[in-house]
Amino acid sequence: MTHKISLIAALIAGMACGLSFAGPVQAGTCQPVKAKGVGKTIAIATTYAQADLKQTAKALKGSVTQASTNCGAVPDGYRCKISAVVCPK
């Protein structure tokens, strides 16, 4: 019984992992994406978030068309989140 539950859990986890990876942006479609960065200053956190956004857009083979940044204080410094739209190049 425990073996069957473990096998089912592994199959569900594998399917979720496979579905979680975003594919390349298709022609004529845009995708909303999010990026985040954490740093001791707002400038550093923003820089990390922008780098994360750049990597995400590159992985999707698209370019960023719209973006908004939201930064806030956390115990270790600052956290910035960027919400953006990536469209095909």
PDB file of N, CA and C in Angstrom:
ATOM      1  N   MET A   1       0.820  -1.192   0.000  1.00  0.00           N
ATOM      2  CA  MET A   1       0.000   0.000   0.000  1.00  0.00           C
ATOM      3  C   MET A   1       0.866   1.258   0.000  1.00  0.00           C
ATOM      4  N   THR A   2       1.887   1.301   0.848  1.00  0.00           N
ATOM      5  CA  THR A   2       2.765   2.463   0.929  1.00  0.00           C
ATOM      6  C   THR A   2       3.533   2.644  -0.370  1.00  0.00           C
ATOM      7  N   HIS A   3       3.915   1.533  -0.999  1.00  0.00           N
ATOM      8  CA  HIS A   3       4.641   1.597  -2.269  1.00  0.00           C
ATOM      9  C   HIS A   3       3.769   2.230  -3.349  1.00  0.00           C
ATOM     10  N   LYS A   4       2.470   1.887  -3.380  1.00  0.00           N
ATOM     11  CA  LYS A   4       1.565   2.456  -4.374  1.00  0.00           C
ATOM     12  C   LYS A   4       1.401   3.956  -4.166  1.00  0.00           C
ATOM     13  N   ILE A   5       1.291   4.394  -2.925  1.00  0.00           N
ATOM     14  CA  ILE A   5       1.136   5.825  -2.633  1.00  0.00           C
ATOM     15  C   ILE A   5       2.399   6.576  -3.035  1.00  0.00           C
ATOM     16  N   SER A   6       3.560   6.001  -2.751  1.00  0.00           N
ATOM     17  CA  SER A   6       4.823   6.637  -3.130  1.00  0.00           C
ATOM     18  C   SER A   6       4.939   6.732  -4.644  1.00  0.00           C
ATOM     19  N   LEU A   7       4.542   5.700  -5.353  1.00  0.00           N
ATOM     20  CA  LEU A   7       4.603   5.693  -6.809  1.00  0.00           C
ATOM     21  C   LEU A   7       3.662   6.741  -7.398  1.00  0.00           C
ATOM     22  N   ILE A   8       2.455   6.836  -6.859  1.00  0.00           N
ATOM     23  CA  ILE A   8       1.490   7.833  -7.336  1.00  0.00           C
ATOM     24  C   ILE A   8       2.006   9.244  -7.058  1.00  0.00           C
ATOM     25  N   ALA A   9       2.566   9.468  -5.878  1.00  0.00           N
ATOM     26  CA  ALA A   9       3.109  10.780  -5.528  1.00  0.00           C
ATOM     27  C   ALA A   9       4.261  11.151  -6.464  1.00  0.00           C
ATOM     28  N   ALA A  10       5.112  10.193  -6.777  1.00  0.00           N
ATOM     29  CA  ALA A  10       6.231  10.451  -7.688  1.00  0.00           C
ATOM     30  C   ALA A  10       5.732  10.786  -9.089  1.00  0.00           C
ATOM     31  N   LEU A  11       4.702  10.096  -9.556  1.00  0.00           N
ATOM     32  CA  LEU A  11       4.144  10.384 -10.878  1.00  0.00           C
ATOM     33  C   LEU A  11       3.524  11.771 -10.935  1.00  0.00           C
ATOM     34  N   ILE A  12       2.789  12.138  -9.899  1.00  0.00           N
ATOM     35  CA  ILE A  12       2.172  13.470  -9.857  1.00  0.00           C
ATOM     36  C   ILE A  12       3.251  14.554  -9.805  1.00  0.00           C
ATOM     37  N   ALA A  13       4.294  14.342  -9.005  1.00  0.00           N
ATOM     38  CA  ALA A  13       5.380  15.313  -8.917  1.00  0.00           C
ATOM     39  C   ALA A  13       6.093  15.452 -10.262  1.00  0.00           C
ATOM     40  N   GLY A  14       6.299  14.347 -10.957  1.00  0.00           N
ATOM     41  CA  GLY A  14       6.938  14.390 -12.279  1.00  0.00           C
ATOM     42  C   GLY A  14       6.106  15.140 -13.290  1.00  0.00           C
ATOM     43  N   MET A  15       4.791  14.921 -13.259  1.00  0.00           N
ATOM     44  CA  MET A  15       3.912  15.634 -14.189  1.00  0.00           C
ATOM     45  C   MET A  15       3.899  17.128 -13.877  1.00  0.00           C
ATOM     46  N   ALA A  16       3.844  17.485 -12.606  1.00  0.00           N
ATOM     47  CA  ALA A  16       3.835  18.898 -12.217  1.00  0.00           C
ATOM     48  C   ALA A  16       5.138  19.571 -12.617  1.00  0.00           C
ATOM     49  N   CYS A  17       6.228  18.874 -12.457  1.00  0.00           N
ATOM     50  CA  CYS A  17       7.528  19.433 -12.837  1.00  0.00           C
ATOM     51  C   CYS A  17       7.591  19.664 -14.339  1.00  0.00           C
ATOM     52  N   GLY A  18       7.124  18.721 -15.108  1.00  0.00           N
ATOM     53  CA  GLY A  18       7.136  18.856 -16.563  1.00  0.00           C
ATOM     54  C   GLY A  18       6.243  19.971 -17.061  1.00  0.00           C
ATOM     55  N   LEU A  19       5.117  20.182 -16.410  1.00  0.00           N
ATOM     56  CA  LEU A  19       4.192  21.230 -16.827  1.00  0.00           C
ATOM     57  C   LEU A  19       4.613  22.607 -16.341  1.00  0.00           C
ATOM     58  N   SER A  20       5.487  22.686 -15.342  1.00  0.00           N
ATOM     59  CA  SER A  20       5.851  23.982 -14.773  1.00  0.00           C
ATOM     60  C   SER A  20       6.845  24.752 -15.632  1.00  0.00           C
ATOM     61  N   PHE A  21       7.573  24.075 -16.510  1.00  0.00           N
ATOM     62  CA  PHE A  21       8.537  24.773 -17.349  1.00  0.00           C
ATOM     63  C   PHE A  21       7.821  25.468 -18.499  1.00  0.00           C
ATOM     64  N   ALA A  22       8.038  26.768 -18.610  1.00  0.00           N
ATOM     65  CA  ALA A  22       7.402  27.539 -19.680  1.00  0.00           C
ATOM     66  C   ALA A  22       8.167  27.312 -20.980  1.00  0.00           C
ATOM     67  N   GLY A  23       7.442  27.164 -22.043  1.00  0.00           N
ATOM     68  CA  GLY A  23       8.069  26.976 -23.338  1.00  0.00           C
ATOM     69  C   GLY A  23       8.374  28.305 -23.999  1.00  0.00           C
ATOM     70  N   PRO A  24       8.998  28.285 -25.157  1.00  0.00           N
ATOM     71  CA  PRO A  24       9.289  29.519 -25.874  1.00  0.00           C
ATOM     72  C   PRO A  24       8.006  30.268 -26.221  1.00  0.00           C
ATOM     73  N   VAL A  25       8.126  31.568 -26.306  1.00  0.00           N
ATOM     74  CA  VAL A  25       6.982  32.403 -26.664  1.00  0.00           C
ATOM     75  C   VAL A  25       6.623  32.134 -28.116  1.00  0.00           C
ATOM     76  N   GLN A  26       5.361  31.853 -28.377  1.00  0.00           N
ATOM     77  CA  GLN A  26       4.908  31.591 -29.736  1.00  0.00           C
ATOM     78  C   GLN A  26       4.628  32.910 -30.447  1.00  0.00           C
ATOM     79  N   ALA A  27       4.714  32.887 -31.761  1.00  0.00           N
ATOM     80  CA  ALA A  27       4.482  34.092 -32.558  1.00  0.00           C
ATOM     81  C   ALA A  27       3.102  34.664 -32.269  1.00  0.00           C
ATOM     82  N   GLY A  28       3.055  35.957 -31.980  1.00  0.00           N
ATOM     83  CA  GLY A  28       1.795  36.631 -31.755  1.00  0.00           C
ATOM     84  C   GLY A  28       1.239  36.505 -30.355  1.00  0.00           C
ATOM     85  N   THR A  29       1.950  35.844 -29.462  1.00  0.00           N
ATOM     86  CA  THR A  29       1.463  35.705 -28.089  1.00  0.00           C
ATOM     87  C   THR A  29       2.442  36.364 -27.129  1.00  0.00           C
ATOM     88  N   CYS A  30       1.934  36.896 -26.067  1.00  0.00           N
ATOM     89  CA  CYS A  30       2.756  37.483 -25.011  1.00  0.00           C
ATOM     90  C   CYS A  30       2.454  36.752 -23.713  1.00  0.00           C
ATOM     91  N   GLN A  31       3.454  36.663 -22.854  1.00  0.00           N
ATOM     92  CA  GLN A  31       3.282  35.956 -21.588  1.00  0.00           C
ATOM     93  C   GLN A  31       3.624  36.865 -20.422  1.00  0.00           C
ATOM     94  N   PRO A  32       2.800  36.862 -19.372  1.00  0.00           N
ATOM     95  CA  PRO A  32       3.178  37.592 -18.159  1.00  0.00           C
ATOM     96  C   PRO A  32       4.242  36.804 -17.402  1.00  0.00           C
ATOM     97  N   VAL A  33       5.241  37.489 -16.899  1.00  0.00           N
ATOM     98  CA  VAL A  33       6.311  36.843 -16.132  1.00  0.00           C
ATOM     99  C   VAL A  33       6.576  37.658 -14.877  1.00  0.00           C
ATOM    100  N   LYS A  34       7.214  37.024 -13.904  1.00  0.00           N
ATOM    101  CA  LYS A  34       7.597  37.694 -12.664  1.00  0.00           C
ATOM    102  C   LYS A  34       9.057  37.399 -12.387  1.00  0.00           C
ATOM    103  N   ALA A  35       9.742  38.387 -11.825  1.00  0.00           N
ATOM    104  CA  ALA A  35      11.140  38.234 -11.439  1.00  0.00           C
ATOM    105  C   ALA A  35      11.309  38.874 -10.070  1.00  0.00           C
ATOM    106  N   LYS A  36      12.284  38.392  -9.314  1.00  0.00           N
ATOM    107  CA  LYS A  36      12.506  38.964  -7.991  1.00  0.00           C
ATOM    108  C   LYS A  36      13.988  39.051  -7.687  1.00  0.00           C
ATOM    109  N   GLY A  37      14.310  39.959  -6.791  1.00  0.00           N
ATOM    110  CA  GLY A  37      15.686  40.139  -6.363  1.00  0.00           C
ATOM    111  C   GLY A  37      15.716  40.619  -4.923  1.00  0.00           C
ATOM    112  N   VAL A  38      16.738  40.198  -4.180  1.00  0.00           N
ATOM    113  CA  VAL A  38      16.895  40.583  -2.780  1.00  0.00           C
ATOM    114  C   VAL A  38      18.296  41.143  -2.609  1.00  0.00           C
ATOM    115  N   GLY A  39      18.399  42.275  -1.883  1.00  0.00           N
ATOM    116  CA  GLY A  39      19.704  42.881  -1.637  1.00  0.00           C
ATOM    117  C   GLY A  39      19.678  43.767  -0.415  1.00  0.00           C
ATOM    118  N   LYS A  40      20.858  44.237  -0.018  1.00  0.00           N
ATOM    119  CA  LYS A  40      20.955  45.088   1.168  1.00  0.00           C
ATOM    120  C   LYS A  40      20.420  46.491   0.896  1.00  0.00           C
ATOM    121  N   THR A  41      20.422  46.925  -0.370  1.00  0.00           N
ATOM    122  CA  THR A  41      19.864  48.226  -0.731  1.00  0.00           C
ATOM    123  C   THR A  41      18.818  48.022  -1.830  1.00  0.00           C
ATOM    124  N   ILE A  42      17.990  49.047  -2.032  1.00  0.00           N
ATOM    125  CA  ILE A  42      16.984  48.960  -3.093  1.00  0.00           C
ATOM    126  C   ILE A  42      17.656  48.835  -4.457  1.00  0.00           C
ATOM    127  N   ALA A  43      18.768  49.536  -4.645  1.00  0.00           N
ATOM    128  CA  ALA A  43      19.472  49.490  -5.927  1.00  0.00           C
ATOM    129  C   ALA A  43      19.968  48.081  -6.243  1.00  0.00           C
ATOM    130  N   ILE A  44      20.533  47.413  -5.259  1.00  0.00           N
ATOM    131  CA  ILE A  44      21.041  46.054  -5.473  1.00  0.00           C
ATOM    132  C   ILE A  44      19.881  45.096  -5.734  1.00  0.00           C
ATOM    133  N   ALA A  45      18.808  45.214  -4.946  1.00  0.00           N
ATOM    134  CA  ALA A  45      17.648  44.334  -5.142  1.00  0.00           C
ATOM    135  C   ALA A  45      17.035  44.540  -6.522  1.00  0.00           C
ATOM    136  N   THR A  46      16.955  45.785  -6.976  1.00  0.00           N
ATOM    137  CA  THR A  46      16.419  46.070  -8.307  1.00  0.00           C
ATOM    138  C   THR A  46      17.318  45.502  -9.391  1.00  0.00           C
ATOM    139  N   THR A  47      18.622  45.631  -9.215  1.00  0.00           N
ATOM    140  CA  THR A  47      19.569  45.089 -10.193  1.00  0.00           C
ATOM    141  C   THR A  47      19.428  43.578 -10.313  1.00  0.00           C
ATOM    142  N   TYR A  48      19.301  42.886  -9.180  1.00  0.00           N
ATOM    143  CA  TYR A  48      19.125  41.428  -9.206  1.00  0.00           C
ATOM    144  C   TYR A  48      17.802  41.040  -9.871  1.00  0.00           C
ATOM    145  N   ALA A  49      16.752  41.799  -9.585  1.00  0.00           N
ATOM    146  CA  ALA A  49      15.451  41.505 -10.189  1.00  0.00           C
ATOM    147  C   ALA A  49      15.498  41.724 -11.700  1.00  0.00           C
ATOM    148  N   GLN A  50      16.184  42.793 -12.134  1.00  0.00           N
ATOM    149  CA  GLN A  50      16.306  43.049 -13.569  1.00  0.00           C
ATOM    150  C   GLN A  50      17.108  41.952 -14.267  1.00  0.00           C
ATOM    151  N   ALA A  51      18.154  41.466 -13.602  1.00  0.00           N
ATOM    152  CA  ALA A  51      18.945  40.373 -14.173  1.00  0.00           C
ATOM    153  C   ALA A  51      18.099  39.105 -14.291  1.00  0.00           C
ATOM    154  N   ASP A  52      17.274  38.838 -13.273  1.00  0.00           N
ATOM    155  CA  ASP A  52      16.383  37.683 -13.307  1.00  0.00           C
ATOM    156  C   ASP A  52      15.381  37.820 -14.454  1.00  0.00           C
ATOM    157  N   LEU A  53      14.837  39.016 -14.632  1.00  0.00           N
ATOM    158  CA  LEU A  53      13.895  39.260 -15.722  1.00  0.00           C
ATOM    159  C   LEU A  53      14.564  39.073 -17.080  1.00  0.00           C
ATOM    160  N   LYS A  54      15.780  39.548 -17.203  1.00  0.00           N
ATOM    161  CA  LYS A  54      16.523  39.405 -18.469  1.00  0.00           C
ATOM    162  C   LYS A  54      16.733  37.929 -18.808  1.00  0.00           C
ATOM    163  N   GLN A  55      17.106  37.129 -17.808  1.00  0.00           N
ATOM    164  CA  GLN A  55      17.313  35.690 -18.032  1.00  0.00           C
ATOM    165  C   GLN A  55      16.008  34.997 -18.408  1.00  0.00           C
ATOM    166  N   THR A  56      14.911  35.399 -17.750  1.00  0.00           N
ATOM    167  CA  THR A  56      13.611  34.801 -18.061  1.00  0.00           C
ATOM    168  C   THR A  56      13.195  35.116 -19.486  1.00  0.00           C
ATOM    169  N   ALA A  57      13.366  36.372 -19.901  1.00  0.00           N
ATOM    170  CA  ALA A  57      13.019  36.763 -21.267  1.00  0.00           C
ATOM    171  C   ALA A  57      13.891  36.027 -22.280  1.00  0.00           C
ATOM    172  N   LYS A  58      15.163  35.856 -21.958  1.00  0.00           N
ATOM    173  CA  LYS A  58      16.077  35.127 -22.856  1.00  0.00           C
ATOM    174  C   LYS A  58      15.667  33.665 -22.971  1.00  0.00           C
ATOM    175  N   ALA A  59      15.289  33.061 -21.852  1.00  0.00           N
ATOM    176  CA  ALA A  59      14.869  31.653 -21.871  1.00  0.00           C
ATOM    177  C   ALA A  59      13.592  31.469 -22.691  1.00  0.00           C
ATOM    178  N   LEU A  60      12.712  32.480 -22.681  1.00  0.00           N
ATOM    179  CA  LEU A  60      11.473  32.416 -23.450  1.00  0.00           C
ATOM    180  C   LEU A  60      11.659  32.887 -24.893  1.00  0.00           C
ATOM    181  N   LYS A  61      12.869  33.307 -25.234  1.00  0.00           N
ATOM    182  CA  LYS A  61      13.195  33.790 -26.580  1.00  0.00           C
ATOM    183  C   LYS A  61      12.294  34.953 -26.973  1.00  0.00           C
ATOM    184  N   GLY A  62      12.149  35.905 -26.045  1.00  0.00           N
ATOM    185  CA  GLY A  62      11.319  37.071 -26.289  1.00  0.00           C
ATOM    186  C   GLY A  62      11.965  38.311 -25.725  1.00  0.00           C
ATOM    187  N   SER A  63      11.228  39.417 -25.759  1.00  0.00           N
ATOM    188  CA  SER A  63      11.714  40.663 -25.198  1.00  0.00           C
ATOM    189  C   SER A  63      10.641  41.255 -24.287  1.00  0.00           C
ATOM    190  N   VAL A  64      11.078  42.037 -23.325  1.00  0.00           N
ATOM    191  CA  VAL A  64      10.169  42.641 -22.355  1.00  0.00           C
ATOM    192  C   VAL A  64       9.515  43.859 -22.983  1.00  0.00           C
ATOM    193  N   THR A  65       8.186  43.925 -22.919  1.00  0.00           N
ATOM    194  CA  THR A  65       7.483  45.065 -23.490  1.00  0.00           C
ATOM    195  C   THR A  65       6.911  45.978 -22.415  1.00  0.00           C
ATOM    196  N   GLN A  66       6.481  45.441 -21.294  1.00  0.00           N
ATOM    197  CA  GLN A  66       5.935  46.233 -20.190  1.00  0.00           C
ATOM    198  C   GLN A  66       6.499  45.674 -18.897  1.00  0.00           C
ATOM    199  N   ALA A  67       6.767  46.572 -17.946  1.00  0.00           N
ATOM    200  CA  ALA A  67       7.263  46.100 -16.650  1.00  0.00           C
ATOM    201  C   ALA A  67       6.896  47.096 -15.558  1.00  0.00           C
ATOM    202  N   SER A  68       6.619  46.561 -14.380  1.00  0.00           N
ATOM    203  CA  SER A  68       6.410  47.394 -13.197  1.00  0.00           C
ATOM    204  C   SER A  68       7.169  46.768 -12.041  1.00  0.00           C
ATOM    205  N   THR A  69       7.786  47.617 -11.229  1.00  0.00           N
ATOM    206  CA  THR A  69       8.623  47.160 -10.125  1.00  0.00           C
ATOM    207  C   THR A  69       7.988  47.546  -8.794  1.00  0.00           C
ATOM    208  N   ASN A  70       8.056  46.619  -7.841  1.00  0.00           N
ATOM    209  CA  ASN A  70       7.530  46.859  -6.502  1.00  0.00           C
ATOM    210  C   ASN A  70       8.598  46.410  -5.510  1.00  0.00           C
ATOM    211  N   CYS A  71       9.099  47.349  -4.703  1.00  0.00           N
ATOM    212  CA  CYS A  71      10.137  47.031  -3.720  1.00  0.00           C
ATOM    213  C   CYS A  71       9.626  47.269  -2.305  1.00  0.00           C
ATOM    214  N   GLY A  72      10.114  46.472  -1.379  1.00  0.00           N
ATOM    215  CA  GLY A  72       9.726  46.617   0.017  1.00  0.00           C
ATOM    216  C   GLY A  72      10.822  46.114   0.938  1.00  0.00           C
ATOM    217  N   ALA A  73      10.786  46.578   2.161  1.00  0.00           N
ATOM    218  CA  ALA A  73      11.789  46.184   3.152  1.00  0.00           C
ATOM    219  C   ALA A  73      11.485  44.794   3.698  1.00  0.00           C
ATOM    220  N   VAL A  74      12.535  44.016   3.886  1.00  0.00           N
ATOM    221  CA  VAL A  74      12.471  42.706   4.535  1.00  0.00           C
ATOM    222  C   VAL A  74      13.546  42.706   5.621  1.00  0.00           C
ATOM    223  N   PRO A  75      13.548  41.727   6.524  1.00  0.00           N
ATOM    224  CA  PRO A  75      14.527  41.742   7.623  1.00  0.00           C
ATOM    225  C   PRO A  75      15.995  41.841   7.179  1.00  0.00           C
ATOM    226  N   ASP A  76      16.357  41.255   6.054  1.00  0.00           N
ATOM    227  CA  ASP A  76      17.755  41.262   5.608  1.00  0.00           C
ATOM    228  C   ASP A  76      18.097  42.432   4.701  1.00  0.00           C
ATOM    229  N   GLY A  77      17.128  43.251   4.314  1.00  0.00           N
ATOM    230  CA  GLY A  77      17.397  44.348   3.387  1.00  0.00           C
ATOM    231  C   GLY A  77      16.142  44.728   2.635  1.00  0.00           C
ATOM    232  N   TYR A  78      16.180  44.538   1.318  1.00  0.00           N
ATOM    233  CA  TYR A  78      15.050  44.888   0.463  1.00  0.00           C
ATOM    234  C   TYR A  78      14.773  43.764  -0.521  1.00  0.00           C
ATOM    235  N   ARG A  79      13.492  43.646  -0.903  1.00  0.00           N
ATOM    236  CA  ARG A  79      13.075  42.668  -1.908  1.00  0.00           C
ATOM    237  C   ARG A  79      12.306  43.420  -2.975  1.00  0.00           C
ATOM    238  N   CYS A  80      12.699  43.212  -4.230  1.00  0.00           N
ATOM    239  CA  CYS A  80      12.012  43.834  -5.351  1.00  0.00           C
ATOM    240  C   CYS A  80      11.409  42.745  -6.218  1.00  0.00           C
ATOM    241  N   LYS A  81      10.187  42.993  -6.655  1.00  0.00           N
ATOM    242  CA  LYS A  81       9.498  42.091  -7.558  1.00  0.00           C
ATOM    243  C   LYS A  81       9.137  42.865  -8.823  1.00  0.00           C
ATOM    244  N   ILE A  82       9.400  42.263  -9.961  1.00  0.00           N
ATOM    245  CA  ILE A  82       9.060  42.876 -11.238  1.00  0.00           C
ATOM    246  C   ILE A  82       8.003  42.031 -11.916  1.00  0.00           C
ATOM    247  N   SER A  83       6.897  42.658 -12.276  1.00  0.00           N
ATOM    248  CA  SER A  83       5.877  42.017 -13.087  1.00  0.00           C
ATOM    249  C   SER A  83       6.048  42.572 -14.492  1.00  0.00           C
ATOM    250  N   ALA A  84       6.150  41.698 -15.482  1.00  0.00           N
ATOM    251  CA  ALA A  84       6.422  42.149 -16.831  1.00  0.00           C
ATOM    252  C   ALA A  84       5.664  41.286 -17.843  1.00  0.00           C
ATOM    253  N   VAL A  85       5.704  41.743 -19.083  1.00  0.00           N
ATOM    254  CA  VAL A  85       5.111  41.006 -20.202  1.00  0.00           C
ATOM    255  C   VAL A  85       6.243  40.747 -21.202  1.00  0.00           C
ATOM    256  N   VAL A  86       6.410  39.473 -21.587  1.00  0.00           N
ATOM    257  CA  VAL A  86       7.416  39.091 -22.574  1.00  0.00           C
ATOM    258  C   VAL A  86       6.702  38.683 -23.853  1.00  0.00           C
ATOM    259  N   CYS A  87       7.093  39.346 -24.943  1.00  0.00           N
ATOM    260  CA  CYS A  87       6.508  39.064 -26.256  1.00  0.00           C
ATOM    261  C   CYS A  87       7.596  38.556 -27.199  1.00  0.00           C
ATOM    262  N   PRO A  88       7.223  37.875 -28.276  1.00  0.00           N
ATOM    263  CA  PRO A  88       8.222  37.372 -29.217  1.00  0.00           C
ATOM    264  C   PRO A  88       9.019  38.511 -29.822  1.00  0.00           C
ATOM    265  N   LYS A  89      10.258  38.209 -30.155  1.00  0.00           N
ATOM    266  CA  LYS A  89      11.131  39.219 -30.778  1.00  0.00           C
ATOM    267  C   LYS A  89      10.718  39.475 -32.201  1.00  0.00           C
TER     268      LYS A  89
END
